Amino acid sequence: MEQITVRVPATTANLAAGFDVLGCALTLYNTLDFRLQEGLSFSGCDEAYQNPDNLAYQGFACVYEHVGQAVPGVHIHIRAEIPVSRGLGSSAALLAAGAYAANALSGAQLSTDTLIALTTRIEGHPDNLAPAFYGGLTASMAEDDQVHTVRYTPHAALRFVALSPDFPLSTHAARAVLPAAVPFRDAVYNGAHLAVLLRALENGDMRQISAALRDRLHQPYRIPLIDEYEDIRRIAHENGCDAVCISGAGPTILCLTRNAAFAQAMDASVKDLRHRWQVRDLAVDAQGALGLSCK
């Protein structure tokens, strides 16, 4: 095999109380072509990213290095729908695509769990990587250099409406505002909300989802970084949705709903805000990283 095309979904992580634990794959995709050749080259992305630091190449190289093979030359063509630095897992999607492609092209046949563990060493956390590889809703933990992932099935009627602003927010900046320690009662609060949230998502119980999408570990510190967050939350409430949280580290704001007309209503309602908010009506992607073609 000399060439493979890989499609990887966007992901939303945290889901409020699931800080650094939960992730869900969504129907928005990056599609990458990997073709073996002499040397390294890229197309489809800005020149600033056409180098060995490119995360798709980092994911590609880490698999070859793990199995003790020389990293071959490769041309990587990137067709990206996932916005960068918006809290929708663009970094994880590139890493997953590279690792998936290398696993196929090298013949390594590593398990998905191993690919997640390898790429987590680069990404730092598995919460986006697990759903990028597996699809669906996942909960992950790292223990003894291994990543353990379990999968859940959100209710089929749930819609994930993502509102992305015209400004970025780096994960580094979003982590910098987090406290080094939190009160014991806040940790207990989050544990309780996480436990309820998981079953509520499977049942599609909007009352319980709205209540469980609260936390005390990260959102209170990050919300001030997202201009017009409270305006979006107010507008969502006016349109009948109280299940609102930050997607990943932000600045995308996520609204969960069973109302098929909600996204269209939000799109009309946010037009008078100072920032331009792109509204995406997304469902859960159940497949995860997928090889579309190979030669």
C-alpha atoms as a PDB file:
ATOM      1  CA  MET A   1       0.000   0.000   0.000  1.00  0.00           C
ATOM      2  CA  GLU A   2       1.383   3.398  -1.015  1.00  0.00           C
ATOM      3  CA  GLN A   3      -1.529   5.778  -0.440  1.00  0.00           C
ATOM      4  CA  ILE A   4      -4.507   6.182   1.878  1.00  0.00           C
ATOM      5  CA  THR A   5      -7.267   8.724   2.450  1.00  0.00           C
ATOM      6  CA  VAL A   6      -8.438   9.149   6.040  1.00  0.00           C
ATOM      7  CA  ARG A   7     -11.477  11.008   7.348  1.00  0.00           C
ATOM      8  CA  VAL A   8     -11.619  12.058  11.012  1.00  0.00           C
ATOM      9  CA  PRO A   9     -14.517  13.780  12.809  1.00  0.00           C
ATOM     10  CA  ALA A  10     -14.493  16.915  14.888  1.00  0.00           C
ATOM     11  CA  THR A  11     -14.852  16.364  18.606  1.00  0.00           C
ATOM     12  CA  THR A  12     -16.242  18.296  21.517  1.00  0.00           C
ATOM     13  CA  ALA A  13     -14.550  17.597  24.839  1.00  0.00           C
ATOM     14  CA  ASN A  14     -15.358  18.135  28.518  1.00  0.00           C
ATOM     15  CA  LEU A  15     -19.125  18.619  28.190  1.00  0.00           C
ATOM     16  CA  ALA A  16     -18.947  20.690  31.379  1.00  0.00           C
ATOM     17  CA  ALA A  17     -18.589  18.241  34.294  1.00  0.00           C
ATOM     18  CA  GLY A  18     -16.595  15.811  32.143  1.00  0.00           C
ATOM     19  CA  PHE A  19     -13.479  17.994  32.254  1.00  0.00           C
ATOM     20  CA  ASP A  20     -10.524  16.141  30.637  1.00  0.00           C
ATOM     21  CA  VAL A  21     -12.683  12.972  30.615  1.00  0.00           C
ATOM     22  CA  LEU A  22     -15.567  13.153  28.138  1.00  0.00           C
ATOM     23  CA  GLY A  23     -15.446  13.635  24.396  1.00  0.00           C
ATOM     24  CA  CYS A  24     -17.995  13.250  21.614  1.00  0.00           C
ATOM     25  CA  ALA A  25     -17.425  12.902  17.873  1.00  0.00           C
ATOM     26  CA  LEU A  26     -19.489  15.204  15.657  1.00  0.00           C
ATOM     27  CA  THR A  27     -20.463  15.236  11.982  1.00  0.00           C
ATOM     28  CA  LEU A  28     -17.839  17.732  10.825  1.00  0.00           C
ATOM     29  CA  TYR A  29     -14.676  16.348   9.228  1.00  0.00           C
ATOM     30  CA  ASN A  30     -11.065  16.718   8.205  1.00  0.00           C
ATOM     31  CA  THR A  31     -10.073  14.516   5.267  1.00  0.00           C
ATOM     32  CA  LEU A  32      -6.387  13.844   4.622  1.00  0.00           C
ATOM     33  CA  ASP A  33      -4.534  12.050   1.824  1.00  0.00           C
ATOM     34  CA  PHE A  34      -1.198  10.374   2.634  1.00  0.00           C
ATOM     35  CA  ARG A  35       1.017   9.290  -0.287  1.00  0.00           C
ATOM     36  CA  LEU A  36       4.438   7.732   0.273  1.00  0.00           C
ATOM     37  CA  GLN A  37       7.267   9.425  -1.624  1.00  0.00           C
ATOM     38  CA  GLU A  38      10.792  10.735  -1.226  1.00  0.00           C
ATOM     39  CA  GLY A  39      10.901  13.540   1.340  1.00  0.00           C
ATOM     40  CA  LEU A  40       8.134  15.399   3.142  1.00  0.00           C
ATOM     41  CA  SER A  41       5.671  17.771   1.479  1.00  0.00           C
ATOM     42  CA  PHE A  42       2.200  19.192   2.075  1.00  0.00           C
ATOM     43  CA  SER A  43      -0.711  20.773   0.262  1.00  0.00           C
ATOM     44  CA  GLY A  44      -4.035  22.185   1.339  1.00  0.00           C
ATOM     45  CA  CYS A  45      -2.716  24.047   4.398  1.00  0.00           C
ATOM     46  CA  ASP A  46      -0.895  27.311   5.073  1.00  0.00           C
ATOM     47  CA  GLU A  47       2.833  27.351   4.398  1.00  0.00           C
ATOM     48  CA  ALA A  48       3.468  27.971   8.101  1.00  0.00           C
ATOM     49  CA  TYR A  49       2.232  24.423   8.828  1.00  0.00           C
ATOM     50  CA  GLN A  50       4.156  22.702   6.034  1.00  0.00           C
ATOM     51  CA  ASN A  51       6.950  21.304   8.187  1.00  0.00           C
ATOM     52  CA  PRO A  52       7.707  18.349  10.509  1.00  0.00           C
ATOM     53  CA  ASP A  53       5.830  20.054  13.354  1.00  0.00           C
ATOM     54  CA  ASN A  54       2.555  19.574  11.492  1.00  0.00           C
ATOM     55  CA  LEU A  55       0.366  17.466  13.777  1.00  0.00           C
ATOM     56  CA  ALA A  56      -0.718  15.131  10.984  1.00  0.00           C
ATOM     57  CA  TYR A  57       2.944  14.323  10.377  1.00  0.00           C
ATOM     58  CA  GLN A  58       3.607  14.044  14.116  1.00  0.00           C
ATOM     59  CA  GLY A  59       0.862  11.431  14.390  1.00  0.00           C
ATOM     60  CA  PHE A  60       2.208   9.681  11.304  1.00  0.00           C
ATOM     61  CA  ALA A  61       5.795   9.591  12.564  1.00  0.00           C
ATOM     62  CA  CYS A  62       4.979   8.407  16.092  1.00  0.00           C
ATOM     63  CA  VAL A  63       3.578   5.110  14.805  1.00  0.00           C
ATOM     64  CA  TYR A  64       6.647   4.290  12.685  1.00  0.00           C
ATOM     65  CA  GLU A  65       8.923   5.212  15.570  1.00  0.00           C
ATOM     66  CA  HIS A  66       6.924   3.014  17.963  1.00  0.00           C
ATOM     67  CA  VAL A  67       7.269  -0.073  15.753  1.00  0.00           C
ATOM     68  CA  GLY A  68      10.940   0.597  15.034  1.00  0.00           C
ATOM     69  CA  GLN A  69      10.583   1.438  11.352  1.00  0.00           C
ATOM     70  CA  ALA A  70      12.234   4.378   9.622  1.00  0.00           C
ATOM     71  CA  VAL A  71       9.701   7.145   9.010  1.00  0.00           C
ATOM     72  CA  PRO A  72       9.194   7.277   5.224  1.00  0.00           C
ATOM     73  CA  GLY A  73       8.791  10.360   3.105  1.00  0.00           C
ATOM     74  CA  VAL A  74       5.172  11.319   2.583  1.00  0.00           C
ATOM     75  CA  HIS A  75       3.001  13.892   0.868  1.00  0.00           C
ATOM     76  CA  ILE A  76       0.066  14.994   3.034  1.00  0.00           C
ATOM     77  CA  HIS A  77      -2.893  16.793   1.492  1.00  0.00           C
ATOM     78  CA  ILE A  78      -5.293  18.320   4.031  1.00  0.00           C
ATOM     79  CA  ARG A  79      -8.936  19.194   3.414  1.00  0.00           C
ATOM     80  CA  ALA A  80     -10.039  20.753   6.695  1.00  0.00           C
ATOM     81  CA  GLU A  81     -13.608  21.567   7.681  1.00  0.00           C
ATOM     82  CA  ILE A  82     -12.837  21.700  11.407  1.00  0.00           C
ATOM     83  CA  PRO A  83     -11.949  25.271  12.455  1.00  0.00           C
ATOM     84  CA  VAL A  84      -8.619  25.784  14.214  1.00  0.00           C
ATOM     85  CA  SER A  85      -8.410  27.000  17.842  1.00  0.00           C
ATOM     86  CA  ARG A  86     -12.163  26.911  18.296  1.00  0.00           C
ATOM     87  CA  GLY A  87     -12.593  23.997  20.724  1.00  0.00           C
ATOM     88  CA  LEU A  88     -13.718  21.404  18.174  1.00  0.00           C
ATOM     89  CA  GLY A  89     -10.740  19.060  18.243  1.00  0.00           C
ATOM     90  CA  SER A  90      -8.813  20.187  15.176  1.00  0.00           C
ATOM     91  CA  SER A  91      -5.473  19.122  16.693  1.00  0.00           C
ATOM     92  CA  ALA A  92      -6.764  15.695  17.688  1.00  0.00           C
ATOM     93  CA  ALA A  93      -8.228  15.158  14.224  1.00  0.00           C
ATOM     94  CA  LEU A  94      -4.844  15.756  12.574  1.00  0.00           C
ATOM     95  CA  LEU A  95      -2.997  13.507  15.028  1.00  0.00           C
ATOM     96  CA  ALA A  96      -5.564  10.741  14.629  1.00  0.00           C
ATOM     97  CA  ALA A  97      -5.444  10.954  10.839  1.00  0.00           C
ATOM     98  CA  GLY A  98      -1.659  10.680  10.800  1.00  0.00           C
ATOM     99  CA  ALA A  99      -1.559   7.740  13.198  1.00  0.00           C
ATOM    100  CA  TYR A 100      -4.358   5.934  11.376  1.00  0.00           C
ATOM    101  CA  ALA A 101      -2.604   6.366   8.030  1.00  0.00           C
ATOM    102  CA  ALA A 102       0.775   5.216   9.353  1.00  0.00           C
ATOM    103  CA  ASN A 103      -0.796   2.166  10.978  1.00  0.00           C
ATOM    104  CA  ALA A 104      -2.231   1.136   7.616  1.00  0.00           C
ATOM    105  CA  LEU A 105       0.735   2.054   5.413  1.00  0.00           C
ATOM    106  CA  SER A 106       3.331   0.464   7.707  1.00  0.00           C
ATOM    107  CA  GLY A 107       1.380  -2.738   8.194  1.00  0.00           C
ATOM    108  CA  ALA A 108       1.845  -2.321  11.947  1.00  0.00           C
ATOM    109  CA  GLN A 109      -1.717  -3.370  12.789  1.00  0.00           C
ATOM    110  CA  LEU A 110      -1.630  -1.618  16.154  1.00  0.00           C
ATOM    111  CA  SER A 111      -4.861  -1.592  18.158  1.00  0.00           C
ATOM    112  CA  THR A 112      -6.927   1.567  18.376  1.00  0.00           C
ATOM    113  CA  ASP A 113      -6.164   1.740  22.094  1.00  0.00           C
ATOM    114  CA  THR A 114      -2.438   1.761  21.277  1.00  0.00           C
ATOM    115  CA  LEU A 115      -2.888   4.522  18.695  1.00  0.00           C
ATOM    116  CA  ILE A 116      -4.746   6.608  21.275  1.00  0.00           C
ATOM    117  CA  ALA A 117      -1.990   6.053  23.837  1.00  0.00           C
ATOM    118  CA  LEU A 118       0.734   7.042  21.343  1.00  0.00           C
ATOM    119  CA  THR A 119      -0.998  10.215  20.219  1.00  0.00           C
ATOM    120  CA  THR A 120      -1.956  11.155  23.796  1.00  0.00           C
ATOM    121  CA  ARG A 121       1.771  11.514  24.503  1.00  0.00           C
ATOM    122  CA  ILE A 122       1.739  14.334  21.947  1.00  0.00           C
ATOM    123  CA  GLU A 123      -1.685  15.844  22.673  1.00  0.00           C
ATOM    124  CA  GLY A 124      -1.432  15.554  26.448  1.00  0.00           C
ATOM    125  CA  HIS A 125      -5.013  14.358  27.028  1.00  0.00           C
ATOM    126  CA  PRO A 126      -7.113  11.575  25.455  1.00  0.00           C
ATOM    127  CA  ASP A 127     -10.496  13.299  25.749  1.00  0.00           C
ATOM    128  CA  ASN A 128     -10.564  14.466  22.109  1.00  0.00           C
ATOM    129  CA  LEU A 129      -8.470  11.634  20.688  1.00  0.00           C
ATOM    130  CA  ALA A 130     -10.685   8.793  21.922  1.00  0.00           C
ATOM    131  CA  PRO A 131     -13.848   9.950  20.112  1.00  0.00           C
ATOM    132  CA  ALA A 132     -11.784  10.988  17.075  1.00  0.00           C
ATOM    133  CA  PHE A 133     -10.659   7.370  16.729  1.00  0.00           C
ATOM    134  CA  TYR A 134     -13.740   5.534  18.004  1.00  0.00           C
ATOM    135  CA  GLY A 135     -16.614   7.883  17.232  1.00  0.00           C
ATOM    136  CA  GLY A 136     -19.558   8.399  19.564  1.00  0.00           C
ATOM    137  CA  LEU A 137     -19.384   9.574  23.159  1.00  0.00           C
ATOM    138  CA  THR A 138     -16.373   8.390  25.142  1.00  0.00           C
ATOM    139  CA  ALA A 139     -14.956   8.659  28.645  1.00  0.00           C
ATOM    140  CA  SER A 140     -11.201   8.176  28.989  1.00  0.00           C
ATOM    141  CA  MET A 141      -8.607   7.979  31.711  1.00  0.00           C
ATOM    142  CA  ALA A 142      -4.833   7.549  31.666  1.00  0.00           C
ATOM    143  CA  GLU A 143      -3.233   5.107  34.099  1.00  0.00           C
ATOM    144  CA  ASP A 144       0.324   3.695  34.086  1.00  0.00           C
ATOM    145  CA  ASP A 145       0.993   5.140  30.602  1.00  0.00           C
ATOM    146  CA  GLN A 146      -2.114   3.393  29.264  1.00  0.00           C
ATOM    147  CA  VAL A 147      -5.361   5.000  28.143  1.00  0.00           C
ATOM    148  CA  HIS A 148      -8.610   3.300  29.096  1.00  0.00           C
ATOM    149  CA  THR A 149     -11.709   4.288  27.128  1.00  0.00           C
ATOM    150  CA  VAL A 150     -15.362   3.354  27.494  1.00  0.00           C
ATOM    151  CA  ARG A 151     -18.059   4.233  25.002  1.00  0.00           C
ATOM    152  CA  TYR A 152     -21.595   5.517  25.443  1.00  0.00           C
ATOM    153  CA  THR A 153     -24.443   5.998  22.983  1.00  0.00           C
ATOM    154  CA  PRO A 154     -26.175   9.399  23.143  1.00  0.00           C
ATOM    155  CA  HIS A 155     -29.882   9.474  22.352  1.00  0.00           C
ATOM    156  CA  ALA A 156     -30.473   9.502  18.599  1.00  0.00           C
ATOM    157  CA  ALA A 157     -32.654  12.639  18.754  1.00  0.00           C
ATOM    158  CA  LEU A 158     -29.954  14.814  20.338  1.00  0.00           C
ATOM    159  CA  ARG A 159     -28.557  17.652  18.236  1.00  0.00           C
ATOM    160  CA  PHE A 160     -25.251  19.329  19.064  1.00  0.00           C
ATOM    161  CA  VAL A 161     -25.515  22.928  17.888  1.00  0.00           C
ATOM    162  CA  ALA A 162     -22.060  24.528  17.899  1.00  0.00           C
ATOM    163  CA  LEU A 163     -21.655  28.311  17.788  1.00  0.00           C
ATOM    164  CA  SER A 164     -18.117  29.341  16.815  1.00  0.00           C
ATOM    165  CA  PRO A 165     -17.090  33.013  16.981  1.00  0.00           C
ATOM    166  CA  ASP A 166     -14.807  34.999  14.723  1.00  0.00           C
ATOM    167  CA  PHE A 167     -12.013  34.938  17.316  1.00  0.00           C
ATOM    168  CA  PRO A 168      -9.766  32.049  18.442  1.00  0.00           C
ATOM    169  CA  LEU A 169      -8.879  30.904  21.944  1.00  0.00           C
ATOM    170  CA  SER A 170      -5.731  28.862  22.431  1.00  0.00           C
ATOM    171  CA  THR A 171      -5.853  25.821  24.687  1.00  0.00           C
ATOM    172  CA  HIS A 172      -2.751  27.162  26.433  1.00  0.00           C
ATOM    173  CA  ALA A 173      -4.540  30.400  27.344  1.00  0.00           C
ATOM    174  CA  ALA A 174      -7.638  28.518  28.462  1.00  0.00           C
ATOM    175  CA  ARG A 175      -5.563  26.264  30.741  1.00  0.00           C
ATOM    176  CA  ALA A 176      -3.575  29.163  32.142  1.00  0.00           C
ATOM    177  CA  VAL A 177      -6.634  30.556  33.938  1.00  0.00           C
ATOM    178  CA  LEU A 178      -7.414  27.297  35.776  1.00  0.00           C
ATOM    179  CA  PRO A 179      -6.570  27.055  39.481  1.00  0.00           C
ATOM    180  CA  ALA A 180      -3.872  24.695  40.737  1.00  0.00           C
ATOM    181  CA  ALA A 181      -6.291  23.241  43.309  1.00  0.00           C
ATOM    182  CA  VAL A 182     -10.038  23.255  43.909  1.00  0.00           C
ATOM    183  CA  PRO A 183     -12.154  22.814  47.055  1.00  0.00           C
ATOM    184  CA  PHE A 184     -13.165  19.274  47.971  1.00  0.00           C
ATOM    185  CA  ARG A 185     -16.875  20.165  47.644  1.00  0.00           C
ATOM    186  CA  ASP A 186     -16.311  21.289  44.045  1.00  0.00           C
ATOM    187  CA  ALA A 187     -14.721  17.962  43.142  1.00  0.00           C
ATOM    188  CA  VAL A 188     -17.703  16.128  44.663  1.00  0.00           C
ATOM    189  CA  TYR A 189     -20.100  18.460  42.807  1.00  0.00           C
ATOM    190  CA  ASN A 190     -18.467  17.626  39.481  1.00  0.00           C
ATOM    191  CA  GLY A 191     -18.389  13.888  40.152  1.00  0.00           C
ATOM    192  CA  ALA A 192     -22.122  13.873  40.847  1.00  0.00           C
ATOM    193  CA  HIS A 193     -22.933  15.931  37.773  1.00  0.00           C
ATOM    194  CA  LEU A 194     -20.779  13.733  35.537  1.00  0.00           C
ATOM    195  CA  ALA A 195     -22.501  10.558  36.719  1.00  0.00           C
ATOM    196  CA  VAL A 196     -25.959  11.991  36.021  1.00  0.00           C
ATOM    197  CA  LEU A 197     -24.899  13.540  32.703  1.00  0.00           C
ATOM    198  CA  LEU A 198     -23.814  10.240  31.168  1.00  0.00           C
ATOM    199  CA  ARG A 199     -27.156   8.513  31.703  1.00  0.00           C
ATOM    200  CA  ALA A 200     -29.073  11.676  30.794  1.00  0.00           C
ATOM    201  CA  LEU A 201     -27.281  11.838  27.431  1.00  0.00           C
ATOM    202  CA  GLU A 202     -28.143   8.225  26.713  1.00  0.00           C
ATOM    203  CA  ASN A 203     -31.797   8.798  27.674  1.00  0.00           C
ATOM    204  CA  GLY A 204     -32.057  12.151  25.908  1.00  0.00           C
ATOM    205  CA  ASP A 205     -33.550  13.652  29.056  1.00  0.00           C
ATOM    206  CA  MET A 206     -33.220  17.384  28.386  1.00  0.00           C
ATOM    207  CA  ARG A 207     -34.186  18.426  31.921  1.00  0.00           C
ATOM    208  CA  GLN A 208     -31.426  16.321  33.425  1.00  0.00           C
ATOM    209  CA  ILE A 209     -28.925  17.241  30.699  1.00  0.00           C
ATOM    210  CA  SER A 210     -29.517  20.935  31.352  1.00  0.00           C
ATOM    211  CA  ALA A 211     -28.973  20.461  35.094  1.00  0.00           C
ATOM    212  CA  ALA A 212     -25.924  18.207  34.683  1.00  0.00           C
ATOM    213  CA  LEU A 213     -24.168  20.529  32.185  1.00  0.00           C
ATOM    214  CA  ARG A 214     -22.778  22.598  35.059  1.00  0.00           C
ATOM    215  CA  ASP A 215     -19.384  22.346  36.646  1.00  0.00           C
ATOM    216  CA  ARG A 216     -17.053  24.101  39.032  1.00  0.00           C
ATOM    217  CA  LEU A 217     -13.670  22.959  37.696  1.00  0.00           C
ATOM    218  CA  HIS A 218     -13.156  24.880  34.462  1.00  0.00           C
ATOM    219  CA  GLN A 219     -16.119  26.770  33.021  1.00  0.00           C
ATOM    220  CA  PRO A 220     -16.342  29.482  35.721  1.00  0.00           C
ATOM    221  CA  TYR A 221     -12.720  30.400  34.939  1.00  0.00           C
ATOM    222  CA  ARG A 222     -12.993  30.178  31.146  1.00  0.00           C
ATOM    223  CA  ILE A 223     -16.314  31.884  30.512  1.00  0.00           C
ATOM    224  CA  PRO A 224     -14.776  35.374  31.029  1.00  0.00           C
ATOM    225  CA  LEU A 225     -12.383  34.589  28.135  1.00  0.00           C
ATOM    226  CA  ILE A 226     -15.294  34.115  25.715  1.00  0.00           C
ATOM    227  CA  ASP A 227     -16.789  37.456  24.767  1.00  0.00           C
ATOM    228  CA  GLU A 228     -20.611  37.336  24.452  1.00  0.00           C
ATOM    229  CA  TYR A 229     -20.893  33.940  26.179  1.00  0.00           C
ATOM    230  CA  GLU A 230     -23.673  35.191  28.444  1.00  0.00           C
ATOM    231  CA  ASP A 231     -25.439  36.717  25.443  1.00  0.00           C
ATOM    232  CA  ILE A 232     -25.369  33.358  23.664  1.00  0.00           C
ATOM    233  CA  ARG A 233     -26.660  31.600  26.775  1.00  0.00           C
ATOM    234  CA  ARG A 234     -29.496  34.123  27.097  1.00  0.00           C
ATOM    235  CA  ILE A 235     -30.426  33.784  23.427  1.00  0.00           C
ATOM    236  CA  ALA A 236     -30.375  29.983  23.692  1.00  0.00           C
ATOM    237  CA  HIS A 237     -32.736  30.191  26.691  1.00  0.00           C
ATOM    238  CA  GLU A 238     -35.061  32.490  24.743  1.00  0.00           C
ATOM    239  CA  ASN A 239     -35.103  29.878  21.981  1.00  0.00           C
ATOM    240  CA  GLY A 240     -35.980  27.094  24.429  1.00  0.00           C
ATOM    241  CA  CYS A 241     -32.574  25.566  25.275  1.00  0.00           C
ATOM    242  CA  ASP A 242     -30.852  25.621  28.674  1.00  0.00           C
ATOM    243  CA  ALA A 243     -28.358  22.828  27.934  1.00  0.00           C
ATOM    244  CA  VAL A 244     -25.375  25.077  27.172  1.00  0.00           C
ATOM    245  CA  CYS A 245     -21.657  24.594  27.796  1.00  0.00           C
ATOM    246  CA  ILE A 246     -18.214  25.428  26.423  1.00  0.00           C
ATOM    247  CA  SER A 247     -16.989  23.089  23.698  1.00  0.00           C
ATOM    248  CA  GLY A 248     -13.527  21.893  24.697  1.00  0.00           C
ATOM    249  CA  ALA A 249     -11.459  24.838  25.861  1.00  0.00           C
ATOM    250  CA  GLY A 250     -13.621  27.233  23.823  1.00  0.00           C
ATOM    251  CA  PRO A 251     -14.433  29.628  22.360  1.00  0.00           C
ATOM    252  CA  THR A 252     -17.101  27.534  20.611  1.00  0.00           C
ATOM    253  CA  ILE A 253     -20.293  27.323  22.665  1.00  0.00           C
ATOM    254  CA  LEU A 254     -22.305  24.108  22.517  1.00  0.00           C
ATOM    255  CA  CYS A 255     -26.075  23.824  22.830  1.00  0.00           C
ATOM    256  CA  LEU A 256     -27.707  20.405  23.185  1.00  0.00           C
ATOM    257  CA  THR A 257     -31.281  20.110  22.018  1.00  0.00           C
ATOM    258  CA  ARG A 258     -33.890  17.792  20.543  1.00  0.00           C
ATOM    259  CA  ASN A 259     -35.523  20.661  18.638  1.00  0.00           C
ATOM    260  CA  ALA A 260     -34.756  20.306  14.923  1.00  0.00           C
ATOM    261  CA  ALA A 261     -35.537  23.991  14.338  1.00  0.00           C
ATOM    262  CA  PHE A 262     -33.261  25.305  17.115  1.00  0.00           C
ATOM    263  CA  ALA A 263     -30.134  25.859  14.992  1.00  0.00           C
ATOM    264  CA  GLN A 264     -32.022  27.933  12.442  1.00  0.00           C
ATOM    265  CA  ALA A 265     -33.571  30.011  15.216  1.00  0.00           C
ATOM    266  CA  MET A 266     -30.152  30.626  16.800  1.00  0.00           C
ATOM    267  CA  ASP A 267     -28.624  31.588  13.467  1.00  0.00           C
ATOM    268  CA  ALA A 268     -31.248  34.304  13.072  1.00  0.00           C
ATOM    269  CA  SER A 269     -30.984  35.411  16.713  1.00  0.00           C
ATOM    270  CA  VAL A 270     -27.208  35.964  16.908  1.00  0.00           C
ATOM    271  CA  LYS A 271     -26.912  38.240  13.896  1.00  0.00           C
ATOM    272  CA  ASP A 272     -27.181  41.405  15.999  1.00  0.00           C
ATOM    273  CA  LEU A 273     -24.262  40.499  18.287  1.00  0.00           C
ATOM    274  CA  ARG A 274     -20.912  42.252  17.916  1.00  0.00           C
ATOM    275  CA  HIS A 275     -19.064  39.108  16.861  1.00  0.00           C
ATOM    276  CA  ARG A 276     -19.933  36.904  13.923  1.00  0.00           C
ATOM    277  CA  TRP A 277     -21.029  33.489  15.210  1.00  0.00           C
ATOM    278  CA  GLN A 278     -21.097  30.530  12.828  1.00  0.00           C
ATOM    279  CA  VAL A 279     -23.882  28.136  13.765  1.00  0.00           C
ATOM    280  CA  ARG A 280     -23.397  24.443  12.928  1.00  0.00           C
ATOM    281  CA  ASP A 281     -26.174  21.910  13.430  1.00  0.00           C
ATOM    282  CA  LEU A 282     -24.314  18.655  14.126  1.00  0.00           C
ATOM    283  CA  ALA A 283     -25.175  15.097  15.070  1.00  0.00           C
ATOM    284  CA  VAL A 284     -23.041  12.432  16.736  1.00  0.00           C
ATOM    285  CA  ASP A 285     -20.569  10.715  14.421  1.00  0.00           C
ATOM    286  CA  ALA A 286     -20.620   7.011  15.329  1.00  0.00           C
ATOM    287  CA  GLN A 287     -17.724   5.834  13.120  1.00  0.00           C
ATOM    288  CA  GLY A 288     -14.681   7.845  14.146  1.00  0.00           C
ATOM    289  CA  ALA A 289     -11.503   7.748  12.055  1.00  0.00           C
ATOM    290  CA  LEU A 290     -12.177   5.965   8.796  1.00  0.00           C
ATOM    291  CA  GLY A 291     -10.033   4.920   5.845  1.00  0.00           C
ATOM    292  CA  LEU A 292     -11.949   5.972   2.736  1.00  0.00           C
ATOM    293  CA  SER A 293      -9.619   4.560   0.093  1.00  0.00           C
ATOM    294  CA  CYS A 294      -6.180   3.011  -0.288  1.00  0.00           C
ATOM    295  CA  LYS A 295      -3.853   2.012  -3.129  1.00  0.00           C
END
